[in-house]
N, C-alpha and C. Protein backbone atom coordinates (compact mmCIF):
# COMPACT_ATOMS: atom_id res chain seq x y z
N UNK A 1 112.63 99.37 111.72
CA UNK A 1 111.64 100.35 111.63
C UNK A 1 111.31 100.81 112.84
N UNK A 2 110.79 102.03 112.84
CA UNK A 2 110.27 102.65 114.12
C UNK A 2 109.07 101.88 114.74
N UNK A 3 109.08 102.10 116.12
CA UNK A 3 107.88 101.43 116.54
C UNK A 3 106.62 102.37 116.80
N UNK A 4 105.39 101.91 116.83
CA UNK A 4 104.20 102.76 117.15
C UNK A 4 104.38 103.14 118.50
N UNK A 5 104.10 104.35 118.84
CA UNK A 5 104.27 105.06 120.04
C UNK A 5 103.28 104.76 121.28
N UNK A 6 103.65 105.31 122.33
CA UNK A 6 102.83 105.03 123.57
C UNK A 6 101.74 105.87 123.55
N UNK A 7 100.87 106.04 124.68
CA UNK A 7 99.73 106.91 124.70
C UNK A 7 99.93 108.36 124.68
N UNK A 8 101.24 108.90 125.00
CA UNK A 8 101.47 110.24 124.97
C UNK A 8 101.47 110.86 123.61
N UNK A 9 101.30 109.93 122.51
CA UNK A 9 101.38 110.40 121.05
C UNK A 9 100.00 110.05 120.51
N UNK A 10 99.70 110.66 119.33
CA UNK A 10 98.46 110.39 118.68
C UNK A 10 98.56 108.90 118.18
N UNK A 11 97.48 108.18 117.98
CA UNK A 11 97.51 106.85 117.44
C UNK A 11 98.22 106.89 116.11
N UNK A 12 98.88 105.93 115.69
CA UNK A 12 99.53 105.87 114.40
C UNK A 12 100.80 106.84 114.26
N UNK A 13 101.03 107.53 115.25
CA UNK A 13 102.15 108.47 114.97
C UNK A 13 103.48 107.83 115.48
N UNK A 14 104.51 108.01 114.76
CA UNK A 14 105.85 107.41 115.25
C UNK A 14 106.63 108.46 116.12
N UNK A 15 107.27 107.93 117.13
CA UNK A 15 107.99 108.86 118.04
C UNK A 15 109.00 109.58 117.34
N UNK A 16 109.12 110.95 117.56
CA UNK A 16 110.12 111.74 117.06
C UNK A 16 109.82 112.15 115.60
N UNK A 17 108.80 111.78 115.01
CA UNK A 17 108.43 112.25 113.77
C UNK A 17 107.17 113.15 113.80
N UNK A 18 107.32 114.24 112.95
CA UNK A 18 106.18 115.12 112.97
C UNK A 18 104.94 114.39 112.17
N UNK A 19 103.66 114.70 112.54
CA UNK A 19 102.57 114.00 112.04
C UNK A 19 102.51 113.66 110.50
N UNK A 20 102.90 114.75 109.80
CA UNK A 20 103.03 114.63 108.38
C UNK A 20 103.97 113.47 107.93
N UNK A 21 105.11 113.39 108.42
CA UNK A 21 106.07 112.43 108.04
C UNK A 21 105.45 111.13 108.41
N UNK A 22 104.85 110.90 109.44
CA UNK A 22 104.32 109.70 110.03
C UNK A 22 103.29 109.22 109.02
N UNK A 23 102.28 110.17 108.65
CA UNK A 23 101.27 109.69 107.65
C UNK A 23 101.81 109.30 106.38
N UNK A 24 102.85 110.02 105.89
CA UNK A 24 103.43 109.64 104.76
C UNK A 24 103.98 108.15 104.79
N UNK A 25 104.80 107.86 105.85
CA UNK A 25 105.38 106.57 106.13
C UNK A 25 104.29 105.45 106.17
N UNK A 26 103.23 105.64 106.90
CA UNK A 26 102.25 104.71 106.99
C UNK A 26 101.29 104.65 105.75
N UNK A 27 101.29 105.80 105.04
CA UNK A 27 100.65 105.66 103.75
C UNK A 27 101.39 104.68 102.79
N UNK A 28 102.74 104.72 102.78
CA UNK A 28 103.43 103.71 102.04
C UNK A 28 103.27 102.35 102.40
N UNK A 29 103.07 102.10 103.76
CA UNK A 29 102.93 100.72 104.30
C UNK A 29 101.49 100.45 103.74
N UNK A 30 100.54 101.10 103.87
CA UNK A 30 99.19 100.92 103.47
C UNK A 30 99.13 100.47 102.05
N UNK A 31 99.88 101.27 101.08
CA UNK A 31 99.96 100.97 99.71
C UNK A 31 100.52 99.59 99.48
N UNK A 32 101.68 99.22 100.14
CA UNK A 32 102.32 98.11 99.91
C UNK A 32 101.34 96.87 100.26
N UNK A 33 100.59 97.05 101.44
CA UNK A 33 99.54 96.06 101.79
C UNK A 33 98.52 95.87 100.77
N UNK A 34 98.10 96.97 100.35
CA UNK A 34 96.95 96.92 99.17
C UNK A 34 97.63 96.32 97.85
N UNK A 35 98.85 96.66 97.66
CA UNK A 35 99.48 96.11 96.40
C UNK A 35 99.80 94.80 96.48
N UNK A 36 100.02 94.14 97.71
CA UNK A 36 100.13 92.69 97.83
C UNK A 36 98.80 91.89 97.43
N UNK A 37 97.81 92.49 97.73
CA UNK A 37 96.55 91.95 97.27
C UNK A 37 96.40 92.02 95.80
N UNK A 38 96.74 93.15 95.18
CA UNK A 38 96.74 93.21 93.83
C UNK A 38 97.66 92.23 93.12
N UNK A 39 98.80 92.15 93.81
CA UNK A 39 99.84 91.13 93.33
C UNK A 39 99.32 89.76 93.34
N UNK A 40 98.62 89.36 94.31
CA UNK A 40 97.94 87.95 94.42
C UNK A 40 96.97 87.84 93.22
N UNK A 41 96.21 88.92 93.05
CA UNK A 41 95.26 88.76 91.92
C UNK A 41 95.92 88.76 90.56
N UNK A 42 96.92 89.63 90.48
CA UNK A 42 97.63 89.53 89.11
C UNK A 42 98.30 88.25 88.86
N UNK A 43 98.87 87.55 89.99
CA UNK A 43 99.56 86.31 89.84
C UNK A 43 98.45 85.16 89.42
N UNK A 44 97.42 85.26 90.02
CA UNK A 44 96.33 84.33 89.80
C UNK A 44 95.80 84.48 88.36
N UNK A 45 95.68 85.74 87.88
CA UNK A 45 95.27 85.97 86.42
C UNK A 45 96.30 85.41 85.61
N UNK A 46 97.63 85.74 85.91
CA UNK A 46 98.77 85.30 85.16
C UNK A 46 98.75 83.82 84.87
N UNK A 47 98.53 83.08 86.07
CA UNK A 47 98.63 81.63 86.08
C UNK A 47 97.46 81.14 85.24
N UNK A 48 96.16 81.67 85.36
CA UNK A 48 94.94 81.34 84.66
C UNK A 48 95.21 81.58 83.12
N UNK A 49 95.66 82.75 82.76
CA UNK A 49 95.99 83.02 81.23
C UNK A 49 97.02 82.09 80.83
N UNK A 50 98.12 81.69 81.49
CA UNK A 50 99.12 80.77 81.00
C UNK A 50 98.46 79.45 80.73
N UNK A 51 97.72 78.99 81.73
CA UNK A 51 96.99 77.69 81.61
C UNK A 51 96.14 77.66 80.34
N UNK A 52 95.31 78.66 80.24
CA UNK A 52 94.40 78.75 79.04
C UNK A 52 95.23 78.75 77.73
N UNK A 53 96.23 79.46 77.72
CA UNK A 53 97.27 79.50 76.56
C UNK A 53 97.85 78.12 76.30
N UNK A 54 98.17 77.40 77.37
CA UNK A 54 98.86 76.09 77.09
C UNK A 54 97.73 75.13 76.73
N UNK A 55 96.63 75.28 77.24
CA UNK A 55 95.52 74.32 76.69
C UNK A 55 95.19 74.66 75.36
N UNK A 56 95.16 75.81 75.03
CA UNK A 56 94.80 76.32 73.54
C UNK A 56 95.91 75.76 72.59
N UNK A 57 97.18 75.99 73.06
CA UNK A 57 98.27 75.49 72.17
C UNK A 57 98.36 73.90 72.07
N UNK A 58 98.10 73.24 73.19
CA UNK A 58 97.97 71.81 73.07
C UNK A 58 96.92 71.19 72.25
N UNK A 59 95.72 71.95 72.21
CA UNK A 59 94.64 71.53 71.41
C UNK A 59 94.85 71.71 69.94
N UNK A 60 95.48 72.88 69.62
CA UNK A 60 96.13 73.08 68.25
C UNK A 60 97.07 71.99 67.82
N UNK A 61 97.94 71.69 68.81
CA UNK A 61 99.02 70.59 68.52
C UNK A 61 98.38 69.24 68.24
N UNK A 62 97.37 69.05 68.93
CA UNK A 62 96.57 67.70 68.70
C UNK A 62 95.70 67.68 67.59
N UNK A 63 95.66 68.66 66.84
CA UNK A 63 94.83 68.75 65.54
C UNK A 63 93.47 69.31 65.83
N UNK A 64 93.05 69.64 66.97
CA UNK A 64 91.67 70.16 67.24
C UNK A 64 91.56 71.67 66.88
N UNK A 65 90.64 72.07 66.23
CA UNK A 65 90.54 73.34 65.75
C UNK A 65 89.62 74.11 66.74
N UNK A 66 90.17 74.94 67.58
CA UNK A 66 89.24 75.68 68.46
C UNK A 66 88.42 76.66 67.75
N UNK A 67 87.30 76.97 68.32
CA UNK A 67 86.29 77.84 67.55
C UNK A 67 86.87 79.24 67.62
N UNK A 68 86.29 80.13 66.90
CA UNK A 68 86.80 81.59 66.77
C UNK A 68 86.45 82.25 68.08
N UNK A 69 85.40 81.86 68.70
CA UNK A 69 84.98 82.39 69.97
C UNK A 69 85.93 82.15 71.03
N UNK A 70 86.54 80.78 71.11
CA UNK A 70 87.52 80.49 72.08
C UNK A 70 88.88 81.24 71.75
N UNK A 71 89.12 81.57 70.46
CA UNK A 71 90.38 82.20 70.27
C UNK A 71 90.23 83.65 70.59
N UNK A 72 89.10 84.24 70.39
CA UNK A 72 88.93 85.61 70.69
C UNK A 72 88.81 85.88 72.21
N UNK A 73 88.51 84.82 73.14
CA UNK A 73 88.49 85.01 74.46
C UNK A 73 89.72 84.82 75.08
N UNK A 74 90.79 84.29 74.45
CA UNK A 74 92.13 84.07 75.04
C UNK A 74 92.82 85.50 75.21
N UNK A 75 93.27 85.60 76.46
CA UNK A 75 93.93 86.81 76.77
C UNK A 75 95.44 86.70 76.44
N UNK A 76 96.01 87.86 76.22
CA UNK A 76 97.47 87.61 75.81
C UNK A 76 98.32 87.62 76.95
N UNK A 77 99.17 86.70 76.99
CA UNK A 77 100.05 86.38 78.18
C UNK A 77 101.10 87.50 78.41
N UNK A 78 101.53 88.14 77.36
CA UNK A 78 102.51 89.22 77.57
C UNK A 78 101.79 90.48 78.23
N UNK A 79 100.55 90.73 78.00
CA UNK A 79 99.88 91.88 78.69
C UNK A 79 99.66 91.56 80.16
N UNK A 80 99.28 90.32 80.43
CA UNK A 80 99.05 89.82 81.75
C UNK A 80 100.35 89.84 82.58
N UNK A 81 101.51 89.42 81.96
CA UNK A 81 102.89 89.44 82.60
C UNK A 81 103.12 90.84 82.74
N UNK A 82 103.12 91.69 81.90
CA UNK A 82 103.31 93.27 82.08
C UNK A 82 102.56 93.81 83.23
N UNK A 83 101.24 93.47 83.34
CA UNK A 83 100.48 93.86 84.57
C UNK A 83 101.09 93.35 85.84
N UNK A 84 101.54 92.04 85.92
CA UNK A 84 102.19 91.46 87.05
C UNK A 84 103.31 92.18 87.51
N UNK A 85 104.23 92.36 86.49
CA UNK A 85 105.56 93.18 86.78
C UNK A 85 105.34 94.64 87.19
N UNK A 86 104.28 95.25 86.69
CA UNK A 86 103.94 96.54 86.97
C UNK A 86 103.62 96.59 88.46
N UNK A 87 102.73 95.77 88.88
CA UNK A 87 102.44 95.81 90.43
C UNK A 87 103.73 95.45 91.25
N UNK A 88 104.58 94.45 90.61
CA UNK A 88 105.88 94.24 91.46
C UNK A 88 106.72 95.51 91.52
N UNK A 89 106.83 96.22 90.43
CA UNK A 89 107.58 97.48 90.42
C UNK A 89 107.11 98.41 91.36
N UNK A 90 105.71 98.55 91.54
CA UNK A 90 105.04 99.39 92.47
C UNK A 90 105.31 99.22 93.87
N UNK A 91 105.24 97.87 94.07
CA UNK A 91 105.68 97.47 95.55
C UNK A 91 107.19 97.70 95.73
N UNK A 92 107.97 97.44 94.77
CA UNK A 92 109.42 97.77 95.05
C UNK A 92 109.71 99.10 95.23
N UNK A 93 109.05 100.05 94.60
CA UNK A 93 109.25 101.52 94.69
C UNK A 93 108.67 101.91 96.22
N UNK A 94 107.58 101.41 96.54
CA UNK A 94 107.01 101.71 97.85
C UNK A 94 107.95 101.24 99.12
N UNK A 95 108.44 100.06 98.83
CA UNK A 95 109.28 99.56 99.88
C UNK A 95 110.68 100.31 99.96
N UNK A 96 111.09 100.72 98.82
CA UNK A 96 112.43 101.52 98.74
C UNK A 96 112.07 102.95 99.61
N UNK A 97 110.82 103.37 99.13
CA UNK A 97 110.47 104.74 99.99
C UNK A 97 110.41 104.53 101.51
N UNK A 98 109.85 103.31 101.82
CA UNK A 98 109.74 103.04 103.18
C UNK A 98 111.18 102.90 103.84
N UNK A 99 112.10 102.22 103.14
CA UNK A 99 113.33 102.15 103.73
C UNK A 99 114.19 103.39 103.65
N UNK A 100 113.97 104.21 102.67
CA UNK A 100 114.56 105.63 102.86
C UNK A 100 114.10 106.30 103.95
N UNK A 101 112.72 106.37 104.26
CA UNK A 101 112.35 106.99 105.31
C UNK A 101 112.76 106.53 106.71
N UNK A 102 112.98 105.18 106.91
CA UNK A 102 113.46 104.52 108.08
C UNK A 102 114.90 104.93 108.24
N UNK A 103 115.74 105.00 107.17
CA UNK A 103 117.16 105.43 107.20
C UNK A 103 117.22 106.96 107.56
N UNK A 104 116.29 107.74 106.99
CA UNK A 104 116.41 109.05 107.39
C UNK A 104 115.93 109.35 108.74
N UNK A 105 114.96 108.50 109.20
CA UNK A 105 114.48 108.80 110.70
C UNK A 105 115.71 108.20 111.52
N UNK A 106 116.43 107.16 111.28
CA UNK A 106 117.53 106.65 112.14
C UNK A 106 118.57 107.81 112.11
N UNK A 107 118.93 108.24 110.95
CA UNK A 107 119.96 109.43 110.92
C UNK A 107 119.62 110.65 111.53
N UNK A 108 118.47 111.11 111.50
CA UNK A 108 117.80 112.13 112.15
C UNK A 108 117.82 111.90 113.69
N UNK A 109 117.58 110.69 114.17
CA UNK A 109 117.56 110.48 115.61
C UNK A 109 119.04 110.35 116.11
N UNK A 110 119.96 109.95 115.24
CA UNK A 110 121.35 109.94 115.55
C UNK A 110 122.05 111.14 115.73
N UNK A 111 121.73 112.12 114.74
CA UNK A 111 122.48 113.31 114.63
C UNK A 111 121.58 114.59 115.20
N UNK A 112 120.38 114.42 115.53
CA UNK A 112 119.52 115.41 116.22
C UNK A 112 118.55 114.59 117.12
N UNK A 113 119.07 114.21 118.24
CA UNK A 113 118.21 113.33 119.15
C UNK A 113 117.16 114.06 119.75
N UNK A 114 117.14 115.43 119.77
CA UNK A 114 116.10 116.20 120.43
C UNK A 114 114.78 116.34 119.53
N UNK A 115 113.66 115.89 119.91
CA UNK A 115 112.52 115.97 119.12
C UNK A 115 112.10 117.44 118.61
N UNK A 116 111.61 117.65 117.49
CA UNK A 116 111.26 118.89 117.05
C UNK A 116 109.73 118.97 117.17
N UNK A 117 109.25 120.22 117.85
CA UNK A 117 107.78 120.43 118.04
C UNK A 117 107.48 121.41 117.09
N UNK A 118 106.72 121.26 116.03
CA UNK A 118 106.38 122.25 115.00
C UNK A 118 105.06 123.04 115.45
N UNK A 119 104.29 122.51 116.49
CA UNK A 119 103.20 123.34 116.91
C UNK A 119 103.35 124.31 117.94
N UNK A 120 104.53 124.23 118.50
CA UNK A 120 104.80 125.36 119.53
C UNK A 120 105.28 126.67 118.93
N UNK A 121 104.42 127.67 119.09
CA UNK A 121 104.94 129.08 118.57
C UNK A 121 106.00 129.61 119.43
N UNK A 122 105.96 129.50 120.75
CA UNK A 122 106.88 130.13 121.61
C UNK A 122 108.15 129.33 121.66
N UNK A 123 109.33 129.90 121.95
CA UNK A 123 110.63 129.19 121.93
C UNK A 123 110.60 128.08 123.14
N UNK A 124 111.07 127.03 122.92
CA UNK A 124 110.99 126.05 123.78
C UNK A 124 112.16 126.10 124.88
N UNK A 125 111.94 125.55 125.97
CA UNK A 125 113.13 125.62 127.02
C UNK A 125 113.88 124.39 126.70
N UNK A 126 115.31 124.57 126.96
CA UNK A 126 116.09 123.42 126.84
C UNK A 126 115.84 122.36 127.89
N UNK A 127 115.13 122.74 128.92
CA UNK A 127 114.90 121.79 130.06
C UNK A 127 113.86 120.68 129.62
N UNK A 128 112.87 121.17 128.70
CA UNK A 128 111.85 120.18 128.26
C UNK A 128 112.30 119.27 127.10
N UNK A 129 113.40 119.39 126.64
CA UNK A 129 114.04 118.45 125.68
C UNK A 129 113.51 118.47 124.28
N UNK A 130 112.91 119.66 124.05
CA UNK A 130 112.31 119.81 122.57
C UNK A 130 112.92 121.05 121.95
N UNK A 131 112.85 121.16 120.62
CA UNK A 131 113.16 122.31 119.76
C UNK A 131 111.94 122.81 119.11
N UNK A 132 111.97 124.14 118.91
CA UNK A 132 110.95 124.75 118.18
C UNK A 132 111.39 124.56 116.75
N UNK A 133 110.48 124.72 115.75
CA UNK A 133 110.89 124.53 114.46
C UNK A 133 111.87 125.61 114.00
N UNK A 134 111.83 126.79 114.48
CA UNK A 134 112.85 127.75 114.07
C UNK A 134 114.26 127.44 114.62
N UNK A 135 114.17 126.85 116.01
CA UNK A 135 115.42 126.41 116.53
C UNK A 135 116.02 125.22 115.67
N UNK A 136 115.22 124.33 115.25
CA UNK A 136 115.53 123.21 114.46
C UNK A 136 116.19 123.70 113.19
N UNK A 137 115.60 124.65 112.47
CA UNK A 137 116.18 125.16 111.21
C UNK A 137 117.50 125.78 111.54
N UNK A 138 117.65 126.59 112.54
CA UNK A 138 118.88 127.14 112.88
C UNK A 138 120.00 126.08 113.16
N UNK A 139 119.59 125.00 113.88
CA UNK A 139 120.59 123.99 114.13
C UNK A 139 120.95 123.18 112.95
N UNK A 140 119.96 122.97 111.95
CA UNK A 140 120.21 122.38 110.74
C UNK A 140 121.20 123.21 109.85
N UNK A 141 120.86 124.45 109.86
CA UNK A 141 121.78 125.35 108.97
C UNK A 141 123.21 125.38 109.53
N UNK A 142 123.43 125.36 110.88
CA UNK A 142 124.71 125.38 111.56
C UNK A 142 125.45 124.11 111.20
N UNK A 143 124.57 122.96 111.21
CA UNK A 143 125.28 121.57 110.91
C UNK A 143 125.69 121.65 109.46
N UNK A 144 124.89 122.11 108.42
CA UNK A 144 125.16 122.23 107.05
C UNK A 144 126.41 123.09 106.91
N UNK A 145 126.48 124.28 107.46
CA UNK A 145 127.62 125.21 107.38
C UNK A 145 128.82 124.49 107.82
N UNK A 146 128.85 123.80 108.98
CA UNK A 146 129.91 123.06 109.58
C UNK A 146 130.52 121.99 108.60
N UNK A 147 129.52 121.27 107.97
CA UNK A 147 129.90 120.14 107.02
C UNK A 147 130.60 120.86 105.74
N UNK A 148 130.07 121.96 105.38
CA UNK A 148 130.74 122.67 104.20
C UNK A 148 132.14 123.08 104.62
N UNK A 149 132.27 123.70 105.86
CA UNK A 149 133.64 124.13 106.36
C UNK A 149 134.55 122.94 106.39
N UNK A 150 134.13 121.68 106.96
CA UNK A 150 134.88 120.61 106.88
C UNK A 150 135.45 120.11 105.43
N UNK A 151 134.43 120.13 104.50
CA UNK A 151 134.69 119.93 103.18
C UNK A 151 135.74 120.73 102.57
N UNK A 152 135.53 122.12 102.91
CA UNK A 152 136.57 123.10 102.39
C UNK A 152 137.90 122.82 102.90
N UNK A 153 138.04 122.46 104.13
CA UNK A 153 139.37 122.15 104.78
C UNK A 153 139.88 120.95 104.20
N UNK A 154 139.19 119.92 103.87
CA UNK A 154 139.61 118.63 103.28
C UNK A 154 140.18 118.81 101.75
N UNK A 155 139.27 119.70 101.11
CA UNK A 155 139.66 119.97 99.74
C UNK A 155 141.00 120.79 99.61
N UNK A 156 141.13 121.77 100.57
CA UNK A 156 142.24 122.54 100.58
C UNK A 156 143.58 121.66 101.00
N UNK A 157 143.35 120.73 101.89
CA UNK A 157 144.37 119.73 102.30
C UNK A 157 144.81 118.97 101.11
N UNK A 158 143.87 118.50 100.35
CA UNK A 158 144.05 117.64 99.21
C UNK A 158 144.98 118.36 98.02
N UNK A 159 144.47 119.68 97.93
CA UNK A 159 145.11 120.66 96.90
C UNK A 159 146.52 120.72 97.15
N UNK A 160 146.81 121.04 98.50
CA UNK A 160 148.16 121.22 99.05
C UNK A 160 149.04 119.98 98.92
N UNK A 161 148.50 118.70 99.09
CA UNK A 161 149.12 117.35 98.90
C UNK A 161 149.47 117.35 97.43
N UNK A 162 148.56 117.80 96.64
CA UNK A 162 148.81 117.49 95.04
C UNK A 162 149.99 118.47 94.57
N UNK A 163 150.05 119.64 95.10
CA UNK A 163 150.91 120.67 94.71
C UNK A 163 152.52 120.46 95.25
N UNK A 164 152.56 119.55 96.35
CA UNK A 164 153.80 119.16 96.90
C UNK A 164 154.63 118.26 96.05
């Protein structure tokens, strides 16, 4: 994962990422941290409901008839288990999103190592090592067109090999 930056960046901003992408990334991290507490609570509830159901079942097996109030107060294990797995699924989705963001950041830094400055309205100088947003879009379009051209050449070569 990317490290939190030095004093030249805003607190909580990741180097090389625009502020919106950084907030989104940390938003998912905060969600996972909050969901871990929810997961702990859901697990504690699950264990408590399972213990209550085991006690109830053992009392019935031993011939003791529980009161209707006790039976009404029993929570359903399947609902509690469903809640637990729901929290697990939410954590998994957020972790996958964080992983995708990290992979996208790594690829972005690998294939476009120049940072993009969205707030600069004037064209940036190549000497300052940044790109304006319009220069960034132009660069990306050129990369996409180049990738399409390479794909077309490879497809044409494959077709020629098949016809021989």
